[in-house]
């Protein structure tokens, strides 16, 4: 399985602070960094978990939901996508 993220998360090791499980089944793992289209990266889910295993807390996040947190050590806040 492949997921969407940014160069900031993978290359700069920024913390994942936002996760989206889109209605179409896609997963997005983002940081607080302001990103542009050219910053997008597609990686394997295994690579994403190796980068930040705390995302496994949201493995059962339903389609159409998102989660955010201020930093890696905070709890996730889960909400339905608009």
C-alpha atoms as a PDB file:
ATOM      1  CA  UNK A   1       0.000   0.000   0.000  1.00  0.00           C
ATOM      2  CA  UNK A   2       1.218   3.481  -0.852  1.00  0.00           C
ATOM      3  CA  UNK A   3       0.476   6.714   1.019  1.00  0.00           C
ATOM      4  CA  UNK A   4       0.874  10.437   0.416  1.00  0.00           C
ATOM      5  CA  UNK A   5       3.220  12.605   2.449  1.00  0.00           C
ATOM      6  CA  UNK A   6       5.677  15.436   1.874  1.00  0.00           C
ATOM      7  CA  UNK A   7       9.415  15.842   1.576  1.00  0.00           C
ATOM      8  CA  UNK A   8       9.326  17.613   4.935  1.00  0.00           C
ATOM      9  CA  UNK A   9       8.146  14.451   6.684  1.00  0.00           C
ATOM     10  CA  UNK A  10      10.443  12.022   4.861  1.00  0.00           C
ATOM     11  CA  UNK A  11      13.541  14.044   4.028  1.00  0.00           C
ATOM     12  CA  UNK A  12      13.542  16.660   6.811  1.00  0.00           C
ATOM     13  CA  UNK A  13      12.117  14.319   9.488  1.00  0.00           C
ATOM     14  CA  UNK A  14       9.287  16.699  10.413  1.00  0.00           C
ATOM     15  CA  UNK A  15       6.717  15.290  12.830  1.00  0.00           C
ATOM     16  CA  UNK A  16       3.434  13.953  11.455  1.00  0.00           C
ATOM     17  CA  UNK A  17       0.775  16.264  12.904  1.00  0.00           C
ATOM     18  CA  UNK A  18      -2.094  15.619  10.474  1.00  0.00           C
ATOM     19  CA  UNK A  19      -3.520  12.392   9.053  1.00  0.00           C
ATOM     20  CA  UNK A  20      -6.360  12.019   6.576  1.00  0.00           C
ATOM     21  CA  UNK A  21      -8.067   8.773   5.567  1.00  0.00           C
ATOM     22  CA  UNK A  22      -9.848   9.999   2.467  1.00  0.00           C
ATOM     23  CA  UNK A  23     -13.240   8.748   1.259  1.00  0.00           C
ATOM     24  CA  UNK A  24     -11.479   6.952  -1.623  1.00  0.00           C
ATOM     25  CA  UNK A  25      -9.244   5.041   0.810  1.00  0.00           C
ATOM     26  CA  UNK A  26      -6.089   7.106   0.343  1.00  0.00           C
ATOM     27  CA  UNK A  27      -4.006   8.000   3.394  1.00  0.00           C
ATOM     28  CA  UNK A  28      -2.200  11.328   3.827  1.00  0.00           C
ATOM     29  CA  UNK A  29       0.454  11.984   6.488  1.00  0.00           C
ATOM     30  CA  UNK A  30       1.444  15.634   6.806  1.00  0.00           C
ATOM     31  CA  UNK A  31       3.471  17.945   9.028  1.00  0.00           C
ATOM     32  CA  UNK A  32       2.884  21.569   9.977  1.00  0.00           C
ATOM     33  CA  UNK A  33       5.257  22.708   7.223  1.00  0.00           C
ATOM     34  CA  UNK A  34       3.724  24.799   4.461  1.00  0.00           C
ATOM     35  CA  UNK A  35       3.960  22.562   1.407  1.00  0.00           C
ATOM     36  CA  UNK A  36       3.470  23.021  -2.301  1.00  0.00           C
ATOM     37  CA  UNK A  37       2.597  20.434  -4.950  1.00  0.00           C
ATOM     38  CA  UNK A  38       6.279  19.803  -5.715  1.00  0.00           C
ATOM     39  CA  UNK A  39       6.845  18.812  -2.060  1.00  0.00           C
ATOM     40  CA  UNK A  40       4.511  15.781  -2.384  1.00  0.00           C
ATOM     41  CA  UNK A  41       5.936  12.287  -2.008  1.00  0.00           C
ATOM     42  CA  UNK A  42       4.380   8.846  -2.422  1.00  0.00           C
ATOM     43  CA  UNK A  43       5.895   6.169  -0.210  1.00  0.00           C
ATOM     44  CA  UNK A  44       4.963   2.751   1.131  1.00  0.00           C
ATOM     45  CA  UNK A  45       2.911   2.449   4.295  1.00  0.00           C
ATOM     46  CA  UNK A  46       5.742   0.388   5.778  1.00  0.00           C
ATOM     47  CA  UNK A  47       8.177   3.263   5.184  1.00  0.00           C
ATOM     48  CA  UNK A  48       5.730   5.681   6.828  1.00  0.00           C
ATOM     49  CA  UNK A  49       5.390   3.431   9.886  1.00  0.00           C
ATOM     50  CA  UNK A  50       9.184   3.139  10.117  1.00  0.00           C
ATOM     51  CA  UNK A  51       9.361   6.942  10.121  1.00  0.00           C
ATOM     52  CA  UNK A  52       6.700   7.331  12.855  1.00  0.00           C
ATOM     53  CA  UNK A  53       5.215   4.239  14.469  1.00  0.00           C
ATOM     54  CA  UNK A  54       2.817   6.368  16.556  1.00  0.00           C
ATOM     55  CA  UNK A  55       0.581   6.583  13.479  1.00  0.00           C
ATOM     56  CA  UNK A  56      -0.439   2.980  14.174  1.00  0.00           C
ATOM     57  CA  UNK A  57      -2.737   4.408  16.864  1.00  0.00           C
ATOM     58  CA  UNK A  58      -4.983   5.476  13.965  1.00  0.00           C
ATOM     59  CA  UNK A  59      -4.889   2.272  11.925  1.00  0.00           C
ATOM     60  CA  UNK A  60      -8.673   1.987  12.290  1.00  0.00           C
ATOM     61  CA  UNK A  61      -9.413   5.614  11.347  1.00  0.00           C
ATOM     62  CA  UNK A  62     -12.625   5.392   9.266  1.00  0.00           C
ATOM     63  CA  UNK A  63     -12.852   6.591   5.678  1.00  0.00           C
ATOM     64  CA  UNK A  64     -13.635  10.298   5.554  1.00  0.00           C
ATOM     65  CA  UNK A  65     -12.004  11.104   8.893  1.00  0.00           C
ATOM     66  CA  UNK A  66      -8.956  13.116   9.849  1.00  0.00           C
ATOM     67  CA  UNK A  67      -6.788  13.475  12.928  1.00  0.00           C
ATOM     68  CA  UNK A  68      -4.431  16.155  14.150  1.00  0.00           C
ATOM     69  CA  UNK A  69      -2.083  16.800  17.050  1.00  0.00           C
ATOM     70  CA  UNK A  70       0.286  19.625  17.994  1.00  0.00           C
ATOM     71  CA  UNK A  71       3.347  17.320  18.203  1.00  0.00           C
ATOM     72  CA  UNK A  72       4.419  13.686  18.313  1.00  0.00           C
ATOM     73  CA  UNK A  73       3.923  13.456  22.072  1.00  0.00           C
ATOM     74  CA  UNK A  74       0.324  14.728  22.121  1.00  0.00           C
ATOM     75  CA  UNK A  75      -2.923  12.793  21.726  1.00  0.00           C
ATOM     76  CA  UNK A  76      -4.723  12.798  18.390  1.00  0.00           C
ATOM     77  CA  UNK A  77      -7.946  14.750  17.918  1.00  0.00           C
ATOM     78  CA  UNK A  78     -10.186  12.893  15.455  1.00  0.00           C
ATOM     79  CA  UNK A  79     -12.879  14.557  13.352  1.00  0.00           C
ATOM     80  CA  UNK A  80     -14.951  13.944  10.217  1.00  0.00           C
ATOM     81  CA  UNK A  81     -13.706  15.553   7.017  1.00  0.00           C
ATOM     82  CA  UNK A  82     -15.775  18.430   5.695  1.00  0.00           C
END
